[in-house]
Amino acid sequence: DEIGKILDQQKINIYDWNDKIVSTVKANYKLTKSKKKADKEKLKEESKAIIDEFNQFHSDMQKEMSEVKSDIKERKSRLTRDVREFEKSLSKQEASRLKNSREQLQKQVETSHSYLSNEAEGIRKRLASTKHMVGRDIESNIE
């Protein structure tokens, strides 16, 4: 649940960046039509600042997604280890029942892990796509 909230927040961050980039590209396009040298210099400076800011955001996002994936793996390992230790302390009948429950829980954990990993990967792909768009659109307008 906590990881899901992190992933949802990252999606919001990416959408915010997409909006910011689109509005910047539109503004830059209008400035490129200008004949004034000062406007073009301002465009170059603003575009470079946005690219730098986005690259920092991209780097931070990659680190956070990596941490999320590590956290998911660690939680999964810890849960499996804790359940196994608990099973050892039970009678055979209780252990058998618990083993069945553990297998069901393991399937749920696998499903959750797969979902969260897919969500993190989807965010990573959208981020890479946005990064590509930033580089292509803003830099082409500078020229």
N, C-alpha and C. Protein backbone atom coordinates (compact mmCIF):
# COMPACT_ATOMS: atom_id res chain seq x y z
N ASP A 1 0.83 -1.19 0.00
CA ASP A 1 0.00 0.00 0.00
C ASP A 1 0.87 1.25 0.00
N GLU A 2 1.89 1.24 0.85
CA GLU A 2 2.82 2.36 0.94
C GLU A 2 3.57 2.54 -0.38
N ILE A 3 3.99 1.43 -0.97
CA ILE A 3 4.71 1.48 -2.24
C ILE A 3 3.77 1.96 -3.34
N GLY A 4 2.52 1.50 -3.31
CA GLY A 4 1.53 1.95 -4.28
C GLY A 4 1.36 3.47 -4.23
N LYS A 5 1.37 4.04 -3.02
CA LYS A 5 1.24 5.49 -2.88
C LYS A 5 2.44 6.20 -3.51
N ILE A 6 3.63 5.63 -3.28
CA ILE A 6 4.85 6.21 -3.87
C ILE A 6 4.74 6.19 -5.39
N LEU A 7 4.31 5.05 -5.94
CA LEU A 7 4.19 4.94 -7.39
C LEU A 7 3.14 5.91 -7.93
N ASP A 8 2.00 6.04 -7.23
CA ASP A 8 0.97 6.99 -7.66
C ASP A 8 1.51 8.42 -7.65
N GLN A 9 2.28 8.76 -6.63
CA GLN A 9 2.86 10.11 -6.56
C GLN A 9 3.83 10.34 -7.71
N GLN A 10 4.59 9.30 -8.06
CA GLN A 10 5.53 9.44 -9.17
C GLN A 10 4.79 9.63 -10.49
N LYS A 11 3.65 8.95 -10.65
CA LYS A 11 2.85 9.16 -11.86
C LYS A 11 2.40 10.61 -11.94
N ILE A 12 1.93 11.15 -10.81
CA ILE A 12 1.49 12.55 -10.76
C ILE A 12 2.66 13.45 -11.12
N ASN A 13 3.85 13.17 -10.58
CA ASN A 13 5.03 13.97 -10.89
C ASN A 13 5.34 13.95 -12.39
N ILE A 14 5.21 12.78 -13.00
CA ILE A 14 5.49 12.68 -14.44
C ILE A 14 4.45 13.47 -15.23
N TYR A 15 3.18 13.36 -14.85
CA TYR A 15 2.15 14.13 -15.56
C TYR A 15 2.38 15.63 -15.39
N ASP A 16 2.79 16.05 -14.19
CA ASP A 16 3.10 17.46 -13.97
C ASP A 16 4.23 17.91 -14.89
N TRP A 17 5.26 17.05 -15.01
CA TRP A 17 6.38 17.38 -15.90
C TRP A 17 5.92 17.42 -17.35
N ASN A 18 5.07 16.48 -17.74
CA ASN A 18 4.57 16.50 -19.12
C ASN A 18 3.87 17.83 -19.40
N ASP A 19 3.01 18.27 -18.47
CA ASP A 19 2.31 19.55 -18.65
C ASP A 19 3.29 20.71 -18.74
N LYS A 20 4.27 20.70 -17.86
CA LYS A 20 5.28 21.77 -17.84
C LYS A 20 6.07 21.79 -19.15
N ILE A 21 6.43 20.61 -19.63
CA ILE A 21 7.22 20.52 -20.86
C ILE A 21 6.39 20.99 -22.06
N VAL A 22 5.14 20.55 -22.12
CA VAL A 22 4.28 20.96 -23.24
C VAL A 22 4.13 22.47 -23.27
N SER A 23 3.86 23.08 -22.12
CA SER A 23 3.68 24.54 -22.09
C SER A 23 4.99 25.25 -22.43
N THR A 24 6.11 24.70 -22.01
CA THR A 24 7.41 25.29 -22.33
C THR A 24 7.71 25.19 -23.82
N VAL A 25 7.43 24.02 -24.39
CA VAL A 25 7.67 23.85 -25.83
C VAL A 25 6.80 24.83 -26.62
N LYS A 26 5.55 25.00 -26.22
CA LYS A 26 4.68 25.96 -26.92
C LYS A 26 5.22 27.38 -26.81
N ALA A 27 5.63 27.76 -25.60
CA ALA A 27 6.18 29.10 -25.40
C ALA A 27 7.47 29.28 -26.20
N ASN A 28 8.30 28.25 -26.19
CA ASN A 28 9.55 28.33 -26.93
C ASN A 28 9.31 28.43 -28.43
N TYR A 29 8.29 27.72 -28.90
CA TYR A 29 7.97 27.78 -30.33
C TYR A 29 7.59 29.21 -30.73
N LYS A 30 6.80 29.87 -29.87
CA LYS A 30 6.42 31.25 -30.16
C LYS A 30 7.66 32.16 -30.17
N LEU A 31 8.56 31.91 -29.22
CA LEU A 31 9.78 32.73 -29.16
C LEU A 31 10.69 32.49 -30.37
N THR A 32 10.71 31.27 -30.90
CA THR A 32 11.57 31.00 -32.05
C THR A 32 11.11 31.78 -33.28
N LYS A 33 9.84 32.16 -33.32
CA LYS A 33 9.32 32.95 -34.43
C LYS A 33 9.75 34.42 -34.32
N SER A 34 10.19 34.79 -33.14
CA SER A 34 10.60 36.17 -32.90
C SER A 34 11.90 36.47 -33.64
N LYS A 35 12.02 37.69 -34.08
CA LYS A 35 13.23 38.13 -34.79
C LYS A 35 14.25 38.75 -33.82
N LYS A 36 13.82 38.98 -32.59
CA LYS A 36 14.69 39.65 -31.62
C LYS A 36 15.74 38.69 -31.08
N LYS A 37 16.96 39.13 -31.12
CA LYS A 37 18.06 38.31 -30.62
C LYS A 37 17.94 38.07 -29.11
N ALA A 38 17.46 39.07 -28.38
CA ALA A 38 17.30 38.95 -26.93
C ALA A 38 16.29 37.86 -26.59
N ASP A 39 15.22 37.78 -27.38
CA ASP A 39 14.22 36.72 -27.15
C ASP A 39 14.81 35.35 -27.37
N LYS A 40 15.62 35.23 -28.40
CA LYS A 40 16.24 33.93 -28.70
C LYS A 40 17.24 33.53 -27.61
N GLU A 41 17.97 34.48 -27.09
CA GLU A 41 18.90 34.20 -25.99
C GLU A 41 18.14 33.77 -24.74
N LYS A 42 17.04 34.48 -24.48
CA LYS A 42 16.19 34.12 -23.33
C LYS A 42 15.66 32.70 -23.51
N LEU A 43 15.25 32.38 -24.73
CA LEU A 43 14.76 31.04 -25.04
C LEU A 43 15.83 29.99 -24.76
N LYS A 44 17.04 30.23 -25.19
CA LYS A 44 18.12 29.27 -24.97
C LYS A 44 18.36 29.06 -23.47
N GLU A 45 18.39 30.17 -22.73
CA GLU A 45 18.64 30.07 -21.29
C GLU A 45 17.52 29.32 -20.57
N GLU A 46 16.27 29.67 -20.89
CA GLU A 46 15.13 29.01 -20.24
C GLU A 46 15.07 27.52 -20.61
N SER A 47 15.33 27.22 -21.87
CA SER A 47 15.30 25.83 -22.31
C SER A 47 16.39 25.02 -21.61
N LYS A 48 17.58 25.59 -21.52
CA LYS A 48 18.67 24.88 -20.85
C LYS A 48 18.33 24.65 -19.38
N ALA A 49 17.75 25.66 -18.73
CA ALA A 49 17.37 25.52 -17.32
C ALA A 49 16.33 24.41 -17.14
N ILE A 50 15.36 24.36 -18.04
CA ILE A 50 14.32 23.32 -17.94
C ILE A 50 14.92 21.94 -18.20
N ILE A 51 15.78 21.85 -19.20
CA ILE A 51 16.42 20.55 -19.49
C ILE A 51 17.24 20.10 -18.29
N ASP A 52 18.01 21.01 -17.70
CA ASP A 52 18.82 20.66 -16.52
C ASP A 52 17.94 20.23 -15.35
N GLU A 53 16.86 20.98 -15.12
CA GLU A 53 15.95 20.65 -14.02
C GLU A 53 15.29 19.29 -14.26
N PHE A 54 14.87 19.06 -15.51
CA PHE A 54 14.25 17.77 -15.82
C PHE A 54 15.25 16.63 -15.69
N ASN A 55 16.48 16.83 -16.14
CA ASN A 55 17.49 15.77 -16.02
C ASN A 55 17.73 15.42 -14.56
N GLN A 56 17.71 16.42 -13.68
CA GLN A 56 17.87 16.16 -12.25
C GLN A 56 16.67 15.37 -11.73
N PHE A 57 15.47 15.79 -12.13
CA PHE A 57 14.25 15.07 -11.76
C PHE A 57 14.33 13.62 -12.26
N HIS A 58 14.75 13.44 -13.49
CA HIS A 58 14.87 12.10 -14.08
C HIS A 58 15.84 11.24 -13.27
N SER A 59 16.97 11.80 -12.93
CA SER A 59 17.97 11.08 -12.13
C SER A 59 17.40 10.70 -10.76
N ASP A 60 16.75 11.65 -10.11
CA ASP A 60 16.15 11.38 -8.80
C ASP A 60 15.07 10.31 -8.90
N MET A 61 14.27 10.36 -9.96
CA MET A 61 13.19 9.39 -10.16
C MET A 61 13.78 7.99 -10.37
N GLN A 62 14.84 7.90 -11.16
CA GLN A 62 15.47 6.60 -11.40
C GLN A 62 15.98 6.01 -10.08
N LYS A 63 16.59 6.84 -9.26
CA LYS A 63 17.08 6.38 -7.96
C LYS A 63 15.92 5.91 -7.09
N GLU A 64 14.84 6.69 -7.06
CA GLU A 64 13.70 6.33 -6.22
C GLU A 64 13.04 5.04 -6.70
N MET A 65 12.90 4.87 -8.01
CA MET A 65 12.30 3.64 -8.56
C MET A 65 13.20 2.44 -8.23
N SER A 66 14.49 2.64 -8.26
CA SER A 66 15.42 1.58 -7.90
C SER A 66 15.26 1.21 -6.42
N GLU A 67 15.11 2.22 -5.58
CA GLU A 67 14.89 1.98 -4.15
C GLU A 67 13.57 1.27 -3.91
N VAL A 68 12.54 1.63 -4.66
CA VAL A 68 11.23 0.98 -4.52
C VAL A 68 11.34 -0.49 -4.88
N LYS A 69 12.01 -0.78 -5.98
CA LYS A 69 12.18 -2.18 -6.39
C LYS A 69 12.95 -2.96 -5.33
N SER A 70 14.00 -2.37 -4.78
CA SER A 70 14.77 -3.03 -3.73
C SER A 70 13.91 -3.26 -2.50
N ASP A 71 13.10 -2.26 -2.15
CA ASP A 71 12.22 -2.37 -0.99
C ASP A 71 11.20 -3.49 -1.20
N ILE A 72 10.66 -3.60 -2.40
CA ILE A 72 9.71 -4.67 -2.70
C ILE A 72 10.37 -6.03 -2.50
N LYS A 73 11.56 -6.20 -3.03
CA LYS A 73 12.28 -7.47 -2.91
C LYS A 73 12.59 -7.79 -1.45
N GLU A 74 13.03 -6.78 -0.71
CA GLU A 74 13.37 -6.97 0.70
C GLU A 74 12.14 -7.38 1.51
N ARG A 75 11.03 -6.71 1.29
CA ARG A 75 9.79 -7.05 2.01
C ARG A 75 9.36 -8.48 1.70
N LYS A 76 9.46 -8.85 0.44
CA LYS A 76 9.08 -10.19 0.02
C LYS A 76 9.97 -11.23 0.72
N SER A 77 11.27 -11.00 0.73
CA SER A 77 12.20 -11.92 1.38
C SER A 77 11.95 -12.01 2.88
N ARG A 78 11.75 -10.85 3.50
CA ARG A 78 11.53 -10.81 4.94
C ARG A 78 10.25 -11.56 5.31
N LEU A 79 9.20 -11.35 4.53
CA LEU A 79 7.92 -12.02 4.79
C LEU A 79 8.08 -13.54 4.67
N THR A 80 8.73 -13.99 3.62
CA THR A 80 8.94 -15.42 3.42
C THR A 80 9.76 -16.01 4.57
N ARG A 81 10.82 -15.32 4.97
CA ARG A 81 11.67 -15.80 6.06
C ARG A 81 10.90 -15.85 7.38
N ASP A 82 10.13 -14.83 7.68
CA ASP A 82 9.36 -14.80 8.92
C ASP A 82 8.33 -15.93 8.98
N VAL A 83 7.67 -16.18 7.86
CA VAL A 83 6.66 -17.24 7.82
C VAL A 83 7.32 -18.60 8.03
N ARG A 84 8.45 -18.81 7.39
CA ARG A 84 9.15 -20.10 7.56
C ARG A 84 9.60 -20.31 9.01
N GLU A 85 10.10 -19.28 9.64
CA GLU A 85 10.51 -19.40 11.05
C GLU A 85 9.31 -19.70 11.93
N PHE A 86 8.19 -19.07 11.65
CA PHE A 86 6.98 -19.31 12.42
C PHE A 86 6.50 -20.74 12.22
N GLU A 87 6.58 -21.25 11.00
CA GLU A 87 6.16 -22.63 10.71
C GLU A 87 6.96 -23.64 11.54
N LYS A 88 8.21 -23.39 11.73
CA LYS A 88 9.08 -24.31 12.47
C LYS A 88 8.63 -24.47 13.92
N SER A 89 7.99 -23.44 14.44
CA SER A 89 7.59 -23.48 15.84
C SER A 89 6.24 -24.14 16.06
N LEU A 90 5.58 -24.59 15.02
CA LEU A 90 4.24 -25.17 15.14
C LEU A 90 4.26 -26.70 15.06
N SER A 91 3.15 -27.30 15.47
CA SER A 91 3.01 -28.74 15.33
C SER A 91 2.86 -29.07 13.85
N LYS A 92 2.95 -30.36 13.49
CA LYS A 92 2.88 -30.76 12.08
C LYS A 92 1.54 -30.40 11.45
N GLN A 93 0.45 -30.64 12.17
CA GLN A 93 -0.87 -30.33 11.62
C GLN A 93 -1.02 -28.83 11.40
N GLU A 94 -0.61 -28.06 12.40
CA GLU A 94 -0.68 -26.61 12.27
C GLU A 94 0.24 -26.13 11.15
N ALA A 95 1.41 -26.77 11.08
CA ALA A 95 2.38 -26.39 10.04
C ALA A 95 1.81 -26.68 8.66
N SER A 96 1.10 -27.79 8.51
CA SER A 96 0.52 -28.13 7.21
C SER A 96 -0.53 -27.09 6.80
N ARG A 97 -1.39 -26.73 7.76
CA ARG A 97 -2.40 -25.70 7.47
C ARG A 97 -1.74 -24.37 7.14
N LEU A 98 -0.74 -24.05 7.91
CA LEU A 98 -0.04 -22.80 7.69
C LEU A 98 0.71 -22.80 6.35
N LYS A 99 1.24 -23.96 6.00
CA LYS A 99 1.95 -24.06 4.72
C LYS A 99 0.99 -23.75 3.56
N ASN A 100 -0.22 -24.30 3.64
CA ASN A 100 -1.21 -24.01 2.60
C ASN A 100 -1.54 -22.52 2.57
N SER A 101 -1.70 -21.94 3.75
CA SER A 101 -1.98 -20.51 3.82
C SER A 101 -0.79 -19.71 3.29
N ARG A 102 0.40 -20.18 3.63
CA ARG A 102 1.61 -19.48 3.17
C ARG A 102 1.70 -19.53 1.65
N GLU A 103 1.37 -20.67 1.07
CA GLU A 103 1.42 -20.78 -0.39
C GLU A 103 0.43 -19.81 -1.03
N GLN A 104 -0.76 -19.69 -0.44
CA GLN A 104 -1.72 -18.72 -0.96
C GLN A 104 -1.20 -17.29 -0.79
N LEU A 105 -0.63 -17.04 0.37
CA LEU A 105 -0.07 -15.72 0.63
C LEU A 105 1.10 -15.44 -0.32
N GLN A 106 1.90 -16.46 -0.56
CA GLN A 106 3.03 -16.31 -1.48
C GLN A 106 2.54 -15.93 -2.88
N LYS A 107 1.45 -16.56 -3.31
CA LYS A 107 0.87 -16.23 -4.62
C LYS A 107 0.40 -14.77 -4.63
N GLN A 108 -0.21 -14.34 -3.52
CA GLN A 108 -0.66 -12.95 -3.44
C GLN A 108 0.54 -12.00 -3.46
N VAL A 109 1.60 -12.39 -2.74
CA VAL A 109 2.81 -11.56 -2.71
C VAL A 109 3.42 -11.49 -4.11
N GLU A 110 3.46 -12.63 -4.80
CA GLU A 110 3.99 -12.66 -6.17
C GLU A 110 3.16 -11.75 -7.08
N THR A 111 1.84 -11.82 -6.94
CA THR A 111 0.96 -10.99 -7.76
C THR A 111 1.20 -9.51 -7.46
N SER A 112 1.28 -9.18 -6.16
CA SER A 112 1.54 -7.79 -5.77
C SER A 112 2.90 -7.33 -6.27
N HIS A 113 3.89 -8.19 -6.10
CA HIS A 113 5.25 -7.87 -6.53
C HIS A 113 5.27 -7.62 -8.04
N SER A 114 4.61 -8.49 -8.77
CA SER A 114 4.55 -8.36 -10.22
C SER A 114 3.84 -7.06 -10.61
N TYR A 115 2.72 -6.78 -9.95
CA TYR A 115 1.97 -5.55 -10.25
C TYR A 115 2.82 -4.31 -9.97
N LEU A 116 3.42 -4.27 -8.77
CA LEU A 116 4.22 -3.10 -8.40
C LEU A 116 5.45 -2.95 -9.31
N SER A 117 6.07 -4.08 -9.67
CA SER A 117 7.20 -4.02 -10.58
C SER A 117 6.77 -3.51 -11.95
N ASN A 118 5.61 -3.98 -12.41
CA ASN A 118 5.10 -3.51 -13.70
C ASN A 118 4.77 -2.02 -13.64
N GLU A 119 4.18 -1.58 -12.53
CA GLU A 119 3.87 -0.16 -12.36
C GLU A 119 5.16 0.67 -12.38
N ALA A 120 6.18 0.19 -11.63
CA ALA A 120 7.46 0.91 -11.59
C ALA A 120 8.08 0.94 -12.98
N GLU A 121 8.01 -0.16 -13.70
CA GLU A 121 8.56 -0.22 -15.06
C GLU A 121 7.78 0.71 -15.99
N GLY A 122 6.45 0.75 -15.84
CA GLY A 122 5.64 1.66 -16.65
C GLY A 122 6.01 3.12 -16.40
N ILE A 123 6.24 3.44 -15.15
CA ILE A 123 6.66 4.80 -14.80
C ILE A 123 8.02 5.10 -15.42
N ARG A 124 8.92 4.13 -15.34
CA ARG A 124 10.26 4.30 -15.91
C ARG A 124 10.17 4.54 -17.41
N LYS A 125 9.30 3.79 -18.10
CA LYS A 125 9.16 3.96 -19.55
C LYS A 125 8.55 5.32 -19.89
N ARG A 126 7.52 5.73 -19.12
CA ARG A 126 6.92 7.05 -19.38
C ARG A 126 7.95 8.15 -19.13
N LEU A 127 8.76 7.96 -18.12
CA LEU A 127 9.81 8.93 -17.81
C LEU A 127 10.83 8.99 -18.94
N ALA A 128 11.24 7.84 -19.44
CA ALA A 128 12.20 7.80 -20.55
C ALA A 128 11.60 8.46 -21.78
N SER A 129 10.33 8.21 -22.04
CA SER A 129 9.66 8.81 -23.19
C SER A 129 9.59 10.33 -23.04
N THR A 130 9.27 10.77 -21.84
CA THR A 130 9.21 12.21 -21.57
C THR A 130 10.59 12.83 -21.72
N LYS A 131 11.62 12.14 -21.23
CA LYS A 131 12.99 12.63 -21.35
C LYS A 131 13.36 12.77 -22.82
N HIS A 132 12.99 11.79 -23.61
CA HIS A 132 13.27 11.84 -25.05
C HIS A 132 12.55 13.03 -25.68
N MET A 133 11.29 13.24 -25.29
CA MET A 133 10.51 14.35 -25.82
C MET A 133 11.14 15.69 -25.45
N VAL A 134 11.60 15.80 -24.21
CA VAL A 134 12.24 17.04 -23.75
C VAL A 134 13.45 17.33 -24.62
N GLY A 135 14.31 16.33 -24.76
CA GLY A 135 15.52 16.54 -25.54
C GLY A 135 15.22 16.90 -26.97
N ARG A 136 14.31 16.18 -27.58
CA ARG A 136 14.00 16.37 -29.00
C ARG A 136 13.31 17.71 -29.24
N ASP A 137 12.23 17.97 -28.52
CA ASP A 137 11.42 19.15 -28.79
C ASP A 137 12.10 20.45 -28.39
N ILE A 138 12.60 20.51 -27.19
CA ILE A 138 13.20 21.76 -26.73
C ILE A 138 14.48 22.06 -27.49
N GLU A 139 15.33 21.04 -27.65
CA GLU A 139 16.59 21.29 -28.35
C GLU A 139 16.36 21.64 -29.81
N SER A 140 15.35 21.04 -30.45
CA SER A 140 15.08 21.39 -31.85
C SER A 140 14.56 22.82 -31.96
N ASN A 141 13.84 23.29 -30.96
CA ASN A 141 13.37 24.68 -30.99
C ASN A 141 14.49 25.68 -30.75
N ILE A 142 15.51 25.25 -30.01
CA ILE A 142 16.64 26.15 -29.77
C ILE A 142 17.36 26.44 -31.09
N GLU A 143 17.51 25.40 -31.86
CA GLU A 143 18.21 25.56 -33.14
C GLU A 143 17.36 26.36 -34.08
